[in-house]
């Protein structure tokens, strides 16, 4: 299948919105993960486990960034799937 580069393809508006949400949630998870990792390392001296987002902690300083990342994860996945399926329809 050849793509004609002379004719621009239209991208649906909801695909662009999904891409914007994907970008914002990516940055939010990055910031939350960095905050969690830095606070965890300063308190324990070790790096957090790979599943840090899914494990509750008793420390209230660590719970905020963990919950923020956990809440943004499903929004990230839904916007990713929306964007990918919108690109297949074009």
C-alpha atoms as a PDB file:
ATOM      1  CA  UNK A   1       0.000   0.000   0.000  1.00  0.00           C
ATOM      2  CA  UNK A   2       1.478   3.316  -1.083  1.00  0.00           C
ATOM      3  CA  UNK A   3       0.799   6.550   0.685  1.00  0.00           C
ATOM      4  CA  UNK A   4       0.404   9.575  -1.516  1.00  0.00           C
ATOM      5  CA  UNK A   5       2.455  12.300   0.129  1.00  0.00           C
ATOM      6  CA  UNK A   6       1.028  15.031  -2.066  1.00  0.00           C
ATOM      7  CA  UNK A   7      -2.389  14.797  -0.425  1.00  0.00           C
ATOM      8  CA  UNK A   8      -2.358  15.471   3.317  1.00  0.00           C
ATOM      9  CA  UNK A   9      -4.352  13.022   5.403  1.00  0.00           C
ATOM     10  CA  UNK A  10      -6.875  14.314   7.884  1.00  0.00           C
ATOM     11  CA  UNK A  11      -6.419  13.299  11.481  1.00  0.00           C
ATOM     12  CA  UNK A  12      -9.591  13.066  13.589  1.00  0.00           C
ATOM     13  CA  UNK A  13      -9.931  15.656  16.333  1.00  0.00           C
ATOM     14  CA  UNK A  14     -10.412  13.013  19.000  1.00  0.00           C
ATOM     15  CA  UNK A  15      -7.083  11.478  17.985  1.00  0.00           C
ATOM     16  CA  UNK A  16      -5.347  14.797  18.558  1.00  0.00           C
ATOM     17  CA  UNK A  17      -7.103  15.160  21.904  1.00  0.00           C
ATOM     18  CA  UNK A  18      -6.028  11.637  22.868  1.00  0.00           C
ATOM     19  CA  UNK A  19      -2.448  12.506  21.930  1.00  0.00           C
ATOM     20  CA  UNK A  20      -2.569  15.623  24.104  1.00  0.00           C
ATOM     21  CA  UNK A  21      -3.951  13.644  27.061  1.00  0.00           C
ATOM     22  CA  UNK A  22      -1.301  10.986  26.458  1.00  0.00           C
ATOM     23  CA  UNK A  23       1.427  13.612  26.633  1.00  0.00           C
ATOM     24  CA  UNK A  24       0.103  15.203  29.811  1.00  0.00           C
ATOM     25  CA  UNK A  25      -0.347  11.880  31.608  1.00  0.00           C
ATOM     26  CA  UNK A  26       3.138  10.768  30.543  1.00  0.00           C
ATOM     27  CA  UNK A  27       4.655  13.860  32.120  1.00  0.00           C
ATOM     28  CA  UNK A  28       2.497  13.459  35.240  1.00  0.00           C
ATOM     29  CA  UNK A  29       3.604   9.845  35.709  1.00  0.00           C
ATOM     30  CA  UNK A  30       7.241  10.807  35.115  1.00  0.00           C
ATOM     31  CA  UNK A  31       7.105  13.570  37.719  1.00  0.00           C
ATOM     32  CA  UNK A  32       5.253  11.384  40.235  1.00  0.00           C
ATOM     33  CA  UNK A  33       7.674   8.515  39.713  1.00  0.00           C
ATOM     34  CA  UNK A  34      10.691  10.744  40.205  1.00  0.00           C
ATOM     35  CA  UNK A  35       9.233  12.252  43.385  1.00  0.00           C
ATOM     36  CA  UNK A  36       8.424   8.820  44.757  1.00  0.00           C
ATOM     37  CA  UNK A  37      11.846   7.393  43.898  1.00  0.00           C
ATOM     38  CA  UNK A  38      13.734  10.330  45.403  1.00  0.00           C
ATOM     39  CA  UNK A  39      11.730  10.296  48.630  1.00  0.00           C
ATOM     40  CA  UNK A  40      11.948   6.504  48.887  1.00  0.00           C
ATOM     41  CA  UNK A  41      15.712   6.576  48.347  1.00  0.00           C
ATOM     42  CA  UNK A  42      16.219   9.358  50.896  1.00  0.00           C
ATOM     43  CA  UNK A  43      14.248   7.411  53.515  1.00  0.00           C
ATOM     44  CA  UNK A  44      15.492   3.865  52.903  1.00  0.00           C
ATOM     45  CA  UNK A  45      18.747   4.206  50.967  1.00  0.00           C
ATOM     46  CA  UNK A  46      17.545   1.730  48.311  1.00  0.00           C
ATOM     47  CA  UNK A  47      15.655   2.092  45.066  1.00  0.00           C
ATOM     48  CA  UNK A  48      11.945   1.166  45.079  1.00  0.00           C
ATOM     49  CA  UNK A  49      10.736  -2.137  43.653  1.00  0.00           C
ATOM     50  CA  UNK A  50       9.580  -2.295  40.043  1.00  0.00           C
ATOM     51  CA  UNK A  51       5.951  -2.530  41.151  1.00  0.00           C
ATOM     52  CA  UNK A  52       6.115   0.513  43.438  1.00  0.00           C
ATOM     53  CA  UNK A  53       2.942   1.959  41.969  1.00  0.00           C
ATOM     54  CA  UNK A  54       0.824  -1.008  43.070  1.00  0.00           C
ATOM     55  CA  UNK A  55       2.121  -1.376  46.644  1.00  0.00           C
ATOM     56  CA  UNK A  56       0.721   0.690  49.467  1.00  0.00           C
ATOM     57  CA  UNK A  57       3.103   2.350  51.877  1.00  0.00           C
ATOM     58  CA  UNK A  58       2.575   3.435  55.450  1.00  0.00           C
ATOM     59  CA  UNK A  59       4.546   6.629  54.872  1.00  0.00           C
ATOM     60  CA  UNK A  60       2.278   9.550  53.999  1.00  0.00           C
ATOM     61  CA  UNK A  61       5.071  11.356  52.107  1.00  0.00           C
ATOM     62  CA  UNK A  62       5.329   8.459  49.663  1.00  0.00           C
ATOM     63  CA  UNK A  63       1.607   7.835  49.290  1.00  0.00           C
ATOM     64  CA  UNK A  64       0.834  11.093  47.431  1.00  0.00           C
ATOM     65  CA  UNK A  65       3.106  10.555  44.407  1.00  0.00           C
ATOM     66  CA  UNK A  66       2.212   6.856  44.307  1.00  0.00           C
ATOM     67  CA  UNK A  67      -1.518   7.574  44.157  1.00  0.00           C
ATOM     68  CA  UNK A  68      -1.064  10.298  41.556  1.00  0.00           C
ATOM     69  CA  UNK A  69       0.819   7.903  39.289  1.00  0.00           C
ATOM     70  CA  UNK A  70      -1.704   5.140  39.917  1.00  0.00           C
ATOM     71  CA  UNK A  71      -4.670   7.369  39.048  1.00  0.00           C
ATOM     72  CA  UNK A  72      -3.069   8.614  35.827  1.00  0.00           C
ATOM     73  CA  UNK A  73      -2.199   5.096  34.623  1.00  0.00           C
ATOM     74  CA  UNK A  74      -5.702   4.091  33.362  1.00  0.00           C
ATOM     75  CA  UNK A  75      -6.144   7.506  31.740  1.00  0.00           C
ATOM     76  CA  UNK A  76      -2.806   6.964  29.979  1.00  0.00           C
ATOM     77  CA  UNK A  77      -3.814   3.509  28.716  1.00  0.00           C
ATOM     78  CA  UNK A  78      -7.234   4.655  27.468  1.00  0.00           C
ATOM     79  CA  UNK A  79      -5.786   7.637  25.612  1.00  0.00           C
ATOM     80  CA  UNK A  80      -3.042   5.449  24.109  1.00  0.00           C
ATOM     81  CA  UNK A  81      -5.563   2.942  22.793  1.00  0.00           C
ATOM     82  CA  UNK A  82      -7.801   5.723  21.493  1.00  0.00           C
ATOM     83  CA  UNK A  83      -4.920   7.306  19.608  1.00  0.00           C
ATOM     84  CA  UNK A  84      -3.698   4.010  18.169  1.00  0.00           C
ATOM     85  CA  UNK A  85      -7.122   2.904  16.963  1.00  0.00           C
ATOM     86  CA  UNK A  86      -7.825   6.354  15.504  1.00  0.00           C
ATOM     87  CA  UNK A  87      -4.652   6.083  13.443  1.00  0.00           C
ATOM     88  CA  UNK A  88      -5.713   2.720  12.056  1.00  0.00           C
ATOM     89  CA  UNK A  89      -9.004   4.158  10.804  1.00  0.00           C
ATOM     90  CA  UNK A  90      -7.336   6.932   8.792  1.00  0.00           C
END
